[in-house]
PDB file of N, CA and C in Angstrom:
ATOM      1  N   UNK A   1     101.712  31.001 129.839  1.00  0.00           N
ATOM      2  CA  UNK A   1     100.344  30.801 130.249  1.00  0.00           C
ATOM      3  C   UNK A   1      99.856  31.929 131.148  1.00  0.00           C
ATOM      4  N   UNK A   2     100.714  32.277 132.100  1.00  0.00           N
ATOM      5  CA  UNK A   2     100.292  33.310 133.052  1.00  0.00           C
ATOM      6  C   UNK A   2     100.043  34.643 132.350  1.00  0.00           C
ATOM      7  N   UNK A   3     100.907  34.980 131.409  1.00  0.00           N
ATOM      8  CA  UNK A   3     100.712  36.230 130.665  1.00  0.00           C
ATOM      9  C   UNK A   3      99.403  36.199 129.878  1.00  0.00           C
ATOM     10  N   UNK A   4      99.088  35.062 129.284  1.00  0.00           N
ATOM     11  CA  UNK A   4      97.835  34.942 128.539  1.00  0.00           C
ATOM     12  C   UNK A   4      96.632  35.035 129.466  1.00  0.00           C
ATOM     13  N   UNK A   5      96.715  34.418 130.637  1.00  0.00           N
ATOM     14  CA  UNK A   5      95.608  34.487 131.596  1.00  0.00           C
ATOM     15  C   UNK A   5      95.376  35.909 132.086  1.00  0.00           C
ATOM     16  N   UNK A   6      96.463  36.611 132.377  1.00  0.00           N
ATOM     17  CA  UNK A   6      96.346  37.998 132.825  1.00  0.00           C
ATOM     18  C   UNK A   6      95.739  38.855 131.719  1.00  0.00           C
ATOM     19  N   UNK A   7      96.192  38.625 130.489  1.00  0.00           N
ATOM     20  CA  UNK A   7      95.658  39.376 129.353  1.00  0.00           C
ATOM     21  C   UNK A   7      94.168  39.094 129.163  1.00  0.00           C
ATOM     22  N   UNK A   8      93.771  37.847 129.341  1.00  0.00           N
ATOM     23  CA  UNK A   8      92.345  37.516 129.228  1.00  0.00           C
ATOM     24  C   UNK A   8      91.554  38.234 130.304  1.00  0.00           C
ATOM     25  N   UNK A   9      92.060  38.183 131.528  1.00  0.00           N
ATOM     26  CA  UNK A   9      91.381  38.841 132.647  1.00  0.00           C
ATOM     27  C   UNK A   9      91.227  40.341 132.400  1.00  0.00           C
ATOM     28  N   UNK A  10      92.276  40.953 131.822  1.00  0.00           N
ATOM     29  CA  UNK A  10      92.277  42.395 131.578  1.00  0.00           C
ATOM     30  C   UNK A  10      91.688  42.772 130.227  1.00  0.00           C
ATOM     31  N   UNK A  11      91.075  41.785 129.554  1.00  0.00           N
ATOM     32  CA  UNK A  11      90.454  41.987 128.236  1.00  0.00           C
ATOM     33  C   UNK A  11      91.461  42.473 127.195  1.00  0.00           C
ATOM     34  N   UNK A  12      92.681  41.933 127.281  1.00  0.00           N
ATOM     35  CA  UNK A  12      93.747  42.309 126.349  1.00  0.00           C
ATOM     36  C   UNK A  12      94.345  41.091 125.656  1.00  0.00           C
ATOM     37  N   UNK A  13      93.626  39.984 125.653  1.00  0.00           N
ATOM     38  CA  UNK A  13      94.159  38.753 125.093  1.00  0.00           C
ATOM     39  C   UNK A  13      94.497  38.912 123.611  1.00  0.00           C
ATOM     40  N   UNK A  14      93.615  39.547 122.857  1.00  0.00           N
ATOM     41  CA  UNK A  14      93.887  39.701 121.428  1.00  0.00           C
ATOM     42  C   UNK A  14      95.141  40.535 121.192  1.00  0.00           C
ATOM     43  N   UNK A  15      95.406  41.504 122.046  1.00  0.00           N
ATOM     44  CA  UNK A  15      96.610  42.338 121.917  1.00  0.00           C
ATOM     45  C   UNK A  15      97.876  41.501 122.158  1.00  0.00           C
ATOM     46  N   UNK A  16      97.855  40.641 123.172  1.00  0.00           N
ATOM     47  CA  UNK A  16      99.007  39.792 123.471  1.00  0.00           C
ATOM     48  C   UNK A  16      99.218  38.780 122.351  1.00  0.00           C
ATOM     49  N   UNK A  17      98.141  38.196 121.858  1.00  0.00           N
ATOM     50  CA  UNK A  17      98.263  37.240 120.757  1.00  0.00           C
ATOM     51  C   UNK A  17      98.793  37.937 119.510  1.00  0.00           C
ATOM     52  N   UNK A  18      98.369  39.150 119.265  1.00  0.00           N
ATOM     53  CA  UNK A  18      98.876  39.913 118.113  1.00  0.00           C
ATOM     54  C   UNK A  18     100.378  40.157 118.268  1.00  0.00           C
ATOM     55  N   UNK A  19     100.827  40.469 119.483  1.00  0.00           N
ATOM     56  CA  UNK A  19     102.257  40.677 119.728  1.00  0.00           C
ATOM     57  C   UNK A  19     103.024  39.377 119.493  1.00  0.00           C
ATOM     58  N   UNK A  20     102.479  38.269 119.962  1.00  0.00           N
ATOM     59  CA  UNK A  20     103.132  36.980 119.759  1.00  0.00           C
ATOM     60  C   UNK A  20     103.140  36.564 118.293  1.00  0.00           C
ATOM     61  N   UNK A  21     102.192  37.061 117.515  1.00  0.00           N
ATOM     62  CA  UNK A  21     102.150  36.711 116.093  1.00  0.00           C
ATOM     63  C   UNK A  21     103.344  37.279 115.336  1.00  0.00           C
ATOM     64  N   UNK A  22     104.033  38.226 115.922  1.00  0.00           N
ATOM     65  CA  UNK A  22     105.222  38.805 115.283  1.00  0.00           C
ATOM     66  C   UNK A  22     106.449  37.904 115.416  1.00  0.00           C
ATOM     67  N   UNK A  23     106.373  36.907 116.287  1.00  0.00           N
ATOM     68  CA  UNK A  23     107.477  35.956 116.457  1.00  0.00           C
ATOM     69  C   UNK A  23     107.502  35.001 115.269  1.00  0.00           C
ATOM     70  N   UNK A  24     108.697  34.692 114.797  1.00  0.00           N
ATOM     71  CA  UNK A  24     108.825  33.737 113.698  1.00  0.00           C
ATOM     72  C   UNK A  24     108.332  32.354 114.113  1.00  0.00           C
ATOM     73  N   UNK A  25     108.563  31.994 115.350  1.00  0.00           N
ATOM     74  CA  UNK A  25     108.135  30.683 115.843  1.00  0.00           C
ATOM     75  C   UNK A  25     107.847  30.781 117.335  1.00  0.00           C
ATOM     76  N   UNK A  26     106.862  30.016 117.767  1.00  0.00           N
ATOM     77  CA  UNK A  26     106.583  29.870 119.188  1.00  0.00           C
ATOM     78  C   UNK A  26     107.035  28.476 119.594  1.00  0.00           C
ATOM     79  N   UNK A  27     107.725  28.393 120.714  1.00  0.00           N
ATOM     80  CA  UNK A  27     108.189  27.107 121.227  1.00  0.00           C
ATOM     81  C   UNK A  27     107.468  26.839 122.536  1.00  0.00           C
ATOM     82  N   UNK A  28     106.742  25.743 122.557  1.00  0.00           N
ATOM     83  CA  UNK A  28     106.015  25.338 123.753  1.00  0.00           C
ATOM     84  C   UNK A  28     106.587  23.984 124.154  1.00  0.00           C
ATOM     85  N   UNK A  29     107.310  23.966 125.248  1.00  0.00           N
ATOM     86  CA  UNK A  29     108.050  22.774 125.648  1.00  0.00           C
ATOM     87  C   UNK A  29     107.309  22.007 126.738  1.00  0.00           C
ATOM     88  N   UNK A  30     107.263  20.700 126.581  1.00  0.00           N
ATOM     89  CA  UNK A  30     106.712  19.786 127.584  1.00  0.00           C
ATOM     90  C   UNK A  30     105.245  20.042 127.912  1.00  0.00           C
ATOM     91  N   UNK A  31     104.427  20.235 126.894  1.00  0.00           N
ATOM     92  CA  UNK A  31     102.998  20.408 127.143  1.00  0.00           C
ATOM     93  C   UNK A  31     102.464  19.127 127.780  1.00  0.00           C
ATOM     94  N   UNK A  32     101.682  19.283 128.805  1.00  0.00           N
ATOM     95  CA  UNK A  32     101.120  18.140 129.498  1.00  0.00           C
ATOM     96  C   UNK A  32     101.950  17.641 130.653  1.00  0.00           C
ATOM     97  N   UNK A  33     103.162  18.159 130.801  1.00  0.00           N
ATOM     98  CA  UNK A  33     104.021  17.721 131.902  1.00  0.00           C
ATOM     99  C   UNK A  33     103.435  18.152 133.241  1.00  0.00           C
ATOM    100  N   UNK A  34     102.990  19.402 133.300  1.00  0.00           N
ATOM    101  CA  UNK A  34     102.345  19.940 134.500  1.00  0.00           C
ATOM    102  C   UNK A  34     100.867  20.103 134.179  1.00  0.00           C
ATOM    103  N   UNK A  35     100.018  19.598 135.042  1.00  0.00           N
ATOM    104  CA  UNK A  35      98.584  19.734 134.822  1.00  0.00           C
ATOM    105  C   UNK A  35      98.192  21.208 134.888  1.00  0.00           C
ATOM    106  N   UNK A  36      97.446  21.626 133.894  1.00  0.00           N
ATOM    107  CA  UNK A  36      96.990  23.012 133.815  1.00  0.00           C
ATOM    108  C   UNK A  36      95.483  23.061 134.065  1.00  0.00           C
ATOM    109  N   UNK A  37      95.009  24.230 134.436  1.00  0.00           N
ATOM    110  CA  UNK A  37      93.579  24.405 134.641  1.00  0.00           C
ATOM    111  C   UNK A  37      92.869  24.499 133.291  1.00  0.00           C
ATOM    112  N   UNK A  38      91.569  24.344 133.318  1.00  0.00           N
ATOM    113  CA  UNK A  38      90.769  24.470 132.093  1.00  0.00           C
ATOM    114  C   UNK A  38      90.956  25.871 131.488  1.00  0.00           C
ATOM    115  N   UNK A  39      90.990  26.881 132.325  1.00  0.00           N
ATOM    116  CA  UNK A  39      91.145  28.248 131.823  1.00  0.00           C
ATOM    117  C   UNK A  39      92.506  28.429 131.137  1.00  0.00           C
ATOM    118  N   UNK A  40      93.559  27.834 131.697  1.00  0.00           N
ATOM    119  CA  UNK A  40      94.874  27.913 131.060  1.00  0.00           C
ATOM    120  C   UNK A  40      94.853  27.225 129.701  1.00  0.00           C
ATOM    121  N   UNK A  41      94.203  26.088 129.615  1.00  0.00           N
ATOM    122  CA  UNK A  41      94.139  25.376 128.344  1.00  0.00           C
ATOM    123  C   UNK A  41      93.267  26.112 127.335  1.00  0.00           C
ATOM    124  N   UNK A  42      92.258  26.825 127.803  1.00  0.00           N
ATOM    125  CA  UNK A  42      91.427  27.619 126.890  1.00  0.00           C
ATOM    126  C   UNK A  42      92.232  28.732 126.240  1.00  0.00           C
ATOM    127  N   UNK A  43      93.080  29.414 127.017  1.00  0.00           N
ATOM    128  CA  UNK A  43      93.879  30.483 126.403  1.00  0.00           C
ATOM    129  C   UNK A  43      94.966  29.887 125.510  1.00  0.00           C
ATOM    130  N   UNK A  44      95.488  28.722 125.865  1.00  0.00           N
ATOM    131  CA  UNK A  44      96.459  28.061 124.993  1.00  0.00           C
ATOM    132  C   UNK A  44      95.790  27.682 123.680  1.00  0.00           C
ATOM    133  N   UNK A  45      94.596  27.124 123.757  1.00  0.00           N
ATOM    134  CA  UNK A  45      93.882  26.774 122.527  1.00  0.00           C
ATOM    135  C   UNK A  45      93.625  28.020 121.684  1.00  0.00           C
ATOM    136  N   UNK A  46      93.242  29.107 122.314  1.00  0.00           N
ATOM    137  CA  UNK A  46      93.013  30.354 121.582  1.00  0.00           C
ATOM    138  C   UNK A  46      94.284  30.792 120.867  1.00  0.00           C
ATOM    139  N   UNK A  47      95.401  30.707 121.560  1.00  0.00           N
ATOM    140  CA  UNK A  47      96.685  31.060 120.952  1.00  0.00           C
ATOM    141  C   UNK A  47      96.977  30.159 119.754  1.00  0.00           C
ATOM    142  N   UNK A  48      96.820  28.846 119.924  1.00  0.00           N
ATOM    143  CA  UNK A  48      97.084  27.916 118.826  1.00  0.00           C
ATOM    144  C   UNK A  48      96.140  28.135 117.650  1.00  0.00           C
ATOM    145  N   UNK A  49      94.880  28.395 117.949  1.00  0.00           N
ATOM    146  CA  UNK A  49      93.900  28.626 116.886  1.00  0.00           C
ATOM    147  C   UNK A  49      94.229  29.900 116.113  1.00  0.00           C
ATOM    148  N   UNK A  50      94.646  30.941 116.814  1.00  0.00           N
ATOM    149  CA  UNK A  50      95.014  32.189 116.152  1.00  0.00           C
ATOM    150  C   UNK A  50      96.309  32.039 115.362  1.00  0.00           C
ATOM    151  N   UNK A  51      97.187  31.198 115.830  1.00  0.00           N
ATOM    152  CA  UNK A  51      98.482  30.978 115.187  1.00  0.00           C
ATOM    153  C   UNK A  51      98.357  30.057 113.970  1.00  0.00           C
ATOM    154  N   UNK A  52      97.292  29.269 113.925  1.00  0.00           N
ATOM    155  CA  UNK A  52      97.076  28.281 112.880  1.00  0.00           C
ATOM    156  C   UNK A  52      97.182  28.911 111.492  1.00  0.00           C
ATOM    157  N   UNK A  53      98.043  28.350 110.672  1.00  0.00           N
ATOM    158  CA  UNK A  53      98.320  28.776 109.303  1.00  0.00           C
ATOM    159  C   UNK A  53      98.872  30.200 109.208  1.00  0.00           C
ATOM    160  N   UNK A  54      99.307  30.754 110.323  1.00  0.00           N
ATOM    161  CA  UNK A  54      99.875  32.111 110.318  1.00  0.00           C
ATOM    162  C   UNK A  54     101.326  32.137 110.776  1.00  0.00           C
ATOM    163  N   UNK A  55     101.750  31.119 111.516  1.00  0.00           N
ATOM    164  CA  UNK A  55     103.107  31.109 112.021  1.00  0.00           C
ATOM    165  C   UNK A  55     103.472  29.738 112.559  1.00  0.00           C
ATOM    166  N   UNK A  56     104.747  29.539 112.728  1.00  0.00           N
ATOM    167  CA  UNK A  56     105.262  28.245 113.159  1.00  0.00           C
ATOM    168  C   UNK A  56     105.121  28.050 114.665  1.00  0.00           C
ATOM    169  N   UNK A  57     104.854  26.807 115.034  1.00  0.00           N
ATOM    170  CA  UNK A  57     104.792  26.404 116.436  1.00  0.00           C
ATOM    171  C   UNK A  57     105.612  25.129 116.567  1.00  0.00           C
ATOM    172  N   UNK A  58     106.533  25.133 117.496  1.00  0.00           N
ATOM    173  CA  UNK A  58     107.280  23.927 117.836  1.00  0.00           C
ATOM    174  C   UNK A  58     106.792  23.519 119.216  1.00  0.00           C
ATOM    175  N   UNK A  59     106.259  22.321 119.302  1.00  0.00           N
ATOM    176  CA  UNK A  59     105.646  21.872 120.540  1.00  0.00           C
ATOM    177  C   UNK A  59     106.222  20.514 120.905  1.00  0.00           C
ATOM    178  N   UNK A  60     106.582  20.341 122.168  1.00  0.00           N
ATOM    179  CA  UNK A  60     107.047  19.040 122.632  1.00  0.00           C
ATOM    180  C   UNK A  60     106.110  18.524 123.716  1.00  0.00           C
ATOM    181  N   UNK A  61     105.988  17.194 123.749  1.00  0.00           N
ATOM    182  CA  UNK A  61     105.176  16.555 124.777  1.00  0.00           C
ATOM    183  C   UNK A  61     105.625  15.112 124.919  1.00  0.00           C
ATOM    184  N   UNK A  62     105.544  14.593 126.120  1.00  0.00           N
ATOM    185  CA  UNK A  62     105.791  13.180 126.349  1.00  0.00           C
ATOM    186  C   UNK A  62     104.514  12.366 126.212  1.00  0.00           C
ATOM    187  N   UNK A  63     103.389  13.049 126.023  1.00  0.00           N
ATOM    188  CA  UNK A  63     102.107  12.358 125.905  1.00  0.00           C
ATOM    189  C   UNK A  63     101.758  12.116 124.443  1.00  0.00           C
ATOM    190  N   UNK A  64     101.282  10.914 124.105  1.00  0.00           N
ATOM    191  CA  UNK A  64     100.780  10.692 122.754  1.00  0.00           C
ATOM    192  C   UNK A  64      99.458  11.440 122.575  1.00  0.00           C
ATOM    193  N   UNK A  65      99.084  11.705 121.340  1.00  0.00           N
ATOM    194  CA  UNK A  65      97.834  12.428 121.084  1.00  0.00           C
ATOM    195  C   UNK A  65      96.647  11.756 121.757  1.00  0.00           C
ATOM    196  N   UNK A  66      96.669  10.443 121.887  1.00  0.00           N
ATOM    197  CA  UNK A  66      95.549   9.722 122.494  1.00  0.00           C
ATOM    198  C   UNK A  66      95.312  10.113 123.953  1.00  0.00           C
ATOM    199  N   UNK A  67      96.297  10.747 124.579  1.00  0.00           N
ATOM    200  CA  UNK A  67      96.146  11.165 125.985  1.00  0.00           C
ATOM    201  C   UNK A  67      96.040  12.685 126.138  1.00  0.00           C
ATOM    202  N   UNK A  68      95.895  13.396 125.043  1.00  0.00           N
ATOM    203  CA  UNK A  68      95.842  14.851 125.122  1.00  0.00           C
ATOM    204  C   UNK A  68      94.554  15.401 125.723  1.00  0.00           C
ATOM    205  N   UNK A  69      93.570  14.560 125.903  1.00  0.00           N
ATOM    206  CA  UNK A  69      92.372  15.041 126.598  1.00  0.00           C
ATOM    207  C   UNK A  69      92.714  15.405 128.039  1.00  0.00           C
ATOM    208  N   UNK A  70      93.768  14.805 128.585  1.00  0.00           N
ATOM    209  CA  UNK A  70      94.254  15.190 129.913  1.00  0.00           C
ATOM    210  C   UNK A  70      94.738  16.642 129.899  1.00  0.00           C
ATOM    211  N   UNK A  71      95.217  17.095 128.762  1.00  0.00           N
ATOM    212  CA  UNK A  71      95.738  18.455 128.644  1.00  0.00           C
ATOM    213  C   UNK A  71      94.594  19.442 128.445  1.00  0.00           C
ATOM    214  N   UNK A  72      93.760  19.193 127.429  1.00  0.00           N
ATOM    215  CA  UNK A  72      92.737  20.168 127.044  1.00  0.00           C
ATOM    216  C   UNK A  72      91.403  19.985 127.752  1.00  0.00           C
ATOM    217  N   UNK A  73      91.275  18.922 128.530  1.00  0.00           N
ATOM    218  CA  UNK A  73      90.136  18.707 129.436  1.00  0.00           C
ATOM    219  C   UNK A  73      88.795  18.451 128.756  1.00  0.00           C
ATOM    220  N   UNK A  74      88.753  18.458 127.438  1.00  0.00           N
ATOM    221  CA  UNK A  74      87.496  18.348 126.723  1.00  0.00           C
ATOM    222  C   UNK A  74      87.768  17.662 125.385  1.00  0.00           C
ATOM    223  N   UNK A  75      86.967  16.647 125.015  1.00  0.00           N
ATOM    224  CA  UNK A  75      87.242  15.923 123.775  1.00  0.00           C
ATOM    225  C   UNK A  75      87.171  16.797 122.519  1.00  0.00           C
ATOM    226  N   UNK A  76      86.230  17.703 122.458  1.00  0.00           N
ATOM    227  CA  UNK A  76      86.081  18.568 121.275  1.00  0.00           C
ATOM    228  C   UNK A  76      87.268  19.519 121.143  1.00  0.00           C
ATOM    229  N   UNK A  77      87.671  20.141 122.245  1.00  0.00           N
ATOM    230  CA  UNK A  77      88.811  21.058 122.220  1.00  0.00           C
ATOM    231  C   UNK A  77      90.086  20.298 121.895  1.00  0.00           C
ATOM    232  N   UNK A  78      90.224  19.100 122.448  1.00  0.00           N
ATOM    233  CA  UNK A  78      91.397  18.272 122.178  1.00  0.00           C
ATOM    234  C   UNK A  78      91.483  17.959 120.690  1.00  0.00           C
ATOM    235  N   UNK A  79      90.384  17.502 120.106  1.00  0.00           N
ATOM    236  CA  UNK A  79      90.369  17.160 118.679  1.00  0.00           C
ATOM    237  C   UNK A  79      90.679  18.385 117.825  1.00  0.00           C
ATOM    238  N   UNK A  80      90.111  19.519 118.180  1.00  0.00           N
ATOM    239  CA  UNK A  80      90.349  20.744 117.407  1.00  0.00           C
ATOM    240  C   UNK A  80      91.801  21.198 117.521  1.00  0.00           C
ATOM    241  N   UNK A  81      92.378  21.088 118.708  1.00  0.00           N
ATOM    242  CA  UNK A  81      93.779  21.490 118.896  1.00  0.00           C
ATOM    243  C   UNK A  81      94.704  20.582 118.092  1.00  0.00           C
ATOM    244  N   UNK A  82      94.493  19.277 118.188  1.00  0.00           N
ATOM    245  CA  UNK A  82      95.331  18.338 117.450  1.00  0.00           C
ATOM    246  C   UNK A  82      95.177  18.562 115.950  1.00  0.00           C
ATOM    247  N   UNK A  83      93.955  18.775 115.489  1.00  0.00           N
ATOM    248  CA  UNK A  83      93.696  19.015 114.076  1.00  0.00           C
ATOM    249  C   UNK A  83      94.505  20.208 113.561  1.00  0.00           C
ATOM    250  N   UNK A  84      94.510  21.296 114.315  1.00  0.00           N
ATOM    251  CA  UNK A  84      95.250  22.485 113.908  1.00  0.00           C
ATOM    252  C   UNK A  84      96.765  22.269 113.963  1.00  0.00           C
ATOM    253  N   UNK A  85      97.208  21.530 114.965  1.00  0.00           N
ATOM    254  CA  UNK A  85      98.644  21.307 115.115  1.00  0.00           C
ATOM    255  C   UNK A  85      99.213  20.382 114.050  1.00  0.00           C
ATOM    256  N   UNK A  86      98.482  19.353 113.670  1.00  0.00           N
ATOM    257  CA  UNK A  86      99.054  18.382 112.732  1.00  0.00           C
ATOM    258  C   UNK A  86      98.901  18.792 111.274  1.00  0.00           C
ATOM    259  N   UNK A  87      97.956  19.667 110.972  1.00  0.00           N
ATOM    260  CA  UNK A  87      97.791  20.129 109.599  1.00  0.00           C
ATOM    261  C   UNK A  87      99.023  20.946 109.198  1.00  0.00           C
ATOM    262  N   UNK A  88      99.640  20.633 108.098  1.00  0.00           N
ATOM    263  CA  UNK A  88     100.864  21.290 107.615  1.00  0.00           C
ATOM    264  C   UNK A  88     102.052  21.041 108.537  1.00  0.00           C
ATOM    265  N   UNK A  89     102.042  19.974 109.304  1.00  0.00           N
ATOM    266  CA  UNK A  89     103.096  19.760 110.296  1.00  0.00           C
ATOM    267  C   UNK A  89     104.082  18.678 109.880  1.00  0.00           C
ATOM    268  N   UNK A  90     105.207  18.742 110.523  1.00  0.00           N
ATOM    269  CA  UNK A  90     106.173  17.657 110.508  1.00  0.00           C
ATOM    270  C   UNK A  90     106.194  17.137 111.936  1.00  0.00           C
ATOM    271  N   UNK A  91     105.872  15.874 112.099  1.00  0.00           N
ATOM    272  CA  UNK A  91     105.823  15.281 113.436  1.00  0.00           C
ATOM    273  C   UNK A  91     107.044  14.392 113.596  1.00  0.00           C
ATOM    274  N   UNK A  92     107.813  14.662 114.611  1.00  0.00           N
ATOM    275  CA  UNK A  92     108.985  13.850 114.926  1.00  0.00           C
ATOM    276  C   UNK A  92     108.686  13.070 116.199  1.00  0.00           C
ATOM    277  N   UNK A  93     108.655  11.770 116.078  1.00  0.00           N
ATOM    278  CA  UNK A  93     108.436  10.934 117.254  1.00  0.00           C
ATOM    279  C   UNK A  93     109.780  10.334 117.638  1.00  0.00           C
ATOM    280  N   UNK A  94     110.239  10.684 118.790  1.00  0.00           N
ATOM    281  CA  UNK A  94     111.536  10.221 119.261  1.00  0.00           C
ATOM    282  C   UNK A  94     111.325   9.143 120.312  1.00  0.00           C
ATOM    283  N   UNK A  95     111.683   7.953 119.955  1.00  0.00           N
ATOM    284  CA  UNK A  95     111.569   6.840 120.901  1.00  0.00           C
ATOM    285  C   UNK A  95     112.953   6.523 121.436  1.00  0.00           C
ATOM    286  N   UNK A  96     113.451   7.434 122.225  1.00  0.00           N
ATOM    287  CA  UNK A  96     114.783   7.275 122.804  1.00  0.00           C
ATOM    288  C   UNK A  96     114.677   7.381 124.313  1.00  0.00           C
ATOM    289  N   UNK A  97     115.683   6.862 124.967  1.00  0.00           N
ATOM    290  CA  UNK A  97     115.717   6.945 126.424  1.00  0.00           C
ATOM    291  C   UNK A  97     115.966   8.370 126.887  1.00  0.00           C
ATOM    292  N   UNK A  98     115.789   8.572 128.139  1.00  0.00           N
ATOM    293  CA  UNK A  98     116.000   9.877 128.750  1.00  0.00           C
ATOM    294  C   UNK A  98     117.491  10.170 128.856  1.00  0.00           C
ATOM    295  N   UNK A  99     117.911  11.276 128.266  1.00  0.00           N
ATOM    296  CA  UNK A  99     119.331  11.638 128.382  1.00  0.00           C
ATOM    297  C   UNK A  99     119.661  12.027 129.823  1.00  0.00           C
ATOM    298  N   UNK A 100     118.708  12.526 130.579  1.00  0.00           N
ATOM    299  CA  UNK A 100     118.962  12.870 131.983  1.00  0.00           C
ATOM    300  C   UNK A 100     119.233  11.606 132.802  1.00  0.00           C
ATOM    301  N   UNK A 101     118.428  10.573 132.555  1.00  0.00           N
ATOM    302  CA  UNK A 101     118.628   9.305 133.249  1.00  0.00           C
ATOM    303  C   UNK A 101     119.965   8.684 132.854  1.00  0.00           C
ATOM    304  N   UNK A 102     120.287   8.724 131.564  1.00  0.00           N
ATOM    305  CA  UNK A 102     121.576   8.185 131.097  1.00  0.00           C
ATOM    306  C   UNK A 102     122.745   8.922 131.756  1.00  0.00           C
ATOM    307  N   UNK A 103     122.648  10.233 131.862  1.00  0.00           N
ATOM    308  CA  UNK A 103     123.710  11.040 132.476  1.00  0.00           C
ATOM    309  C   UNK A 103     123.850  10.709 133.965  1.00  0.00           C
ATOM    310  N   UNK A 104     122.728  10.540 134.648  1.00  0.00           N
ATOM    311  CA  UNK A 104     122.769  10.201 136.080  1.00  0.00           C
ATOM    312  C   UNK A 104     123.415   8.827 136.281  1.00  0.00           C
ATOM    313  N   UNK A 105     123.080   7.878 135.423  1.00  0.00           N
ATOM    314  CA  UNK A 105     123.690   6.546 135.522  1.00  0.00           C
ATOM    315  C   UNK A 105     125.195   6.618 135.267  1.00  0.00           C
ATOM    316  N   UNK A 106     125.587   7.421 134.281  1.00  0.00           N
ATOM    317  CA  UNK A 106     127.008   7.560 133.970  1.00  0.00           C
ATOM    318  C   UNK A 106     127.760   8.145 135.154  1.00  0.00           C
ATOM    319  N   UNK A 107     127.187   9.169 135.796  1.00  0.00           N
ATOM    320  CA  UNK A 107     127.834   9.771 136.962  1.00  0.00           C
ATOM    321  C   UNK A 107     127.957   8.769 138.102  1.00  0.00           C
ATOM    322  N   UNK A 108     126.928   7.976 138.321  1.00  0.00           N
ATOM    323  CA  UNK A 108     126.949   6.959 139.364  1.00  0.00           C
ATOM    324  C   UNK A 108     128.005   5.903 139.057  1.00  0.00           C
ATOM    325  N   UNK A 109     128.053   5.456 137.811  1.00  0.00           N
ATOM    326  CA  UNK A 109     129.054   4.458 137.412  1.00  0.00           C
ATOM    327  C   UNK A 109     130.465   5.007 137.564  1.00  0.00           C
ATOM    328  N   UNK A 110     130.664   6.272 137.159  1.00  0.00           N
ATOM    329  CA  UNK A 110     131.988   6.900 137.295  1.00  0.00           C
ATOM    330  C   UNK A 110     132.402   6.978 138.755  1.00  0.00           C
ATOM    331  N   UNK A 111     131.468   7.329 139.622  1.00  0.00           N
ATOM    332  CA  UNK A 111     131.773   7.458 141.049  1.00  0.00           C
ATOM    333  C   UNK A 111     132.102   6.101 141.676  1.00  0.00           C
ATOM    334  N   UNK A 112     131.441   5.043 141.212  1.00  0.00           N
ATOM    335  CA  UNK A 112     131.680   3.734 141.820  1.00  0.00           C
ATOM    336  C   UNK A 112     132.961   3.078 141.311  1.00  0.00           C
ATOM    337  N   UNK A 113     133.442   3.476 140.152  1.00  0.00           N
ATOM    338  CA  UNK A 113     134.682   2.891 139.625  1.00  0.00           C
ATOM    339  C   UNK A 113     135.914   3.720 139.932  1.00  0.00           C
ATOM    340  N   UNK A 114     135.696   4.897 140.461  1.00  0.00           N
ATOM    341  CA  UNK A 114     136.826   5.785 140.819  1.00  0.00           C
ATOM    342  C   UNK A 114     137.489   5.247 142.078  1.00  0.00           C
ATOM    343  N   UNK A 115     138.830   5.106 142.070  1.00  0.00           N
ATOM    344  CA  UNK A 115     139.498   4.608 143.270  1.00  0.00           C
ATOM    345  C   UNK A 115     139.335   5.582 144.438  1.00  0.00           C
ATOM    346  N   UNK A 116     139.217   5.063 145.646  1.00  0.00           N
ATOM    347  CA  UNK A 116     139.071   5.963 146.803  1.00  0.00           C
ATOM    348  C   UNK A 116     140.315   6.813 146.990  1.00  0.00           C
ATOM    349  N   UNK A 117     140.090   8.033 147.420  1.00  0.00           N
ATOM    350  CA  UNK A 117     141.208   8.942 147.664  1.00  0.00           C
ATOM    351  C   UNK A 117     141.919   8.525 148.939  1.00  0.00           C
ATOM    352  N   UNK A 118     143.216   8.625 148.905  1.00  0.00           N
ATOM    353  CA  UNK A 118     144.000   8.295 150.096  1.00  0.00           C
ATOM    354  C   UNK A 118     144.308   9.561 150.877  1.00  0.00           C
ATOM    355  N   UNK A 119     144.377   9.409 152.145  1.00  0.00           N
ATOM    356  CA  UNK A 119     144.711  10.560 153.008  1.00  0.00           C
ATOM    357  C   UNK A 119     146.200  10.830 152.969  1.00  0.00           C
ATOM    358  N   UNK A 120     146.570  12.084 153.050  1.00  0.00           N
ATOM    359  CA  UNK A 120     147.975  12.468 153.050  1.00  0.00           C
ATOM    360  C   UNK A 120     148.427  12.830 154.431  1.00  0.00           C
TER     361      UNK A 120
END
């Protein structure tokens, strides 16, 4: 995001997007996890729109599409972004628990069942 914002500010956004178009796939992880500014979402939308039907995008989010207006800040931009992302897409919805939470519970359980160390 920061690179795209700097490129926009320096009037070089199209150059950065052209460079990114050479990547076989773009991976955008946890979209919506951290609230972004409207300007950040505008450059993200520009990137997605330019990438549309030209290259692969792998995107993860914990938010359902119905809450993506929180991400793109505008109903029209949200609808347009979702439209571009889902066209020609494979959507995998994973309804599984958090592996981080499971790991933390396992560590806690292991620690509580471990016999106390004896002093020598």
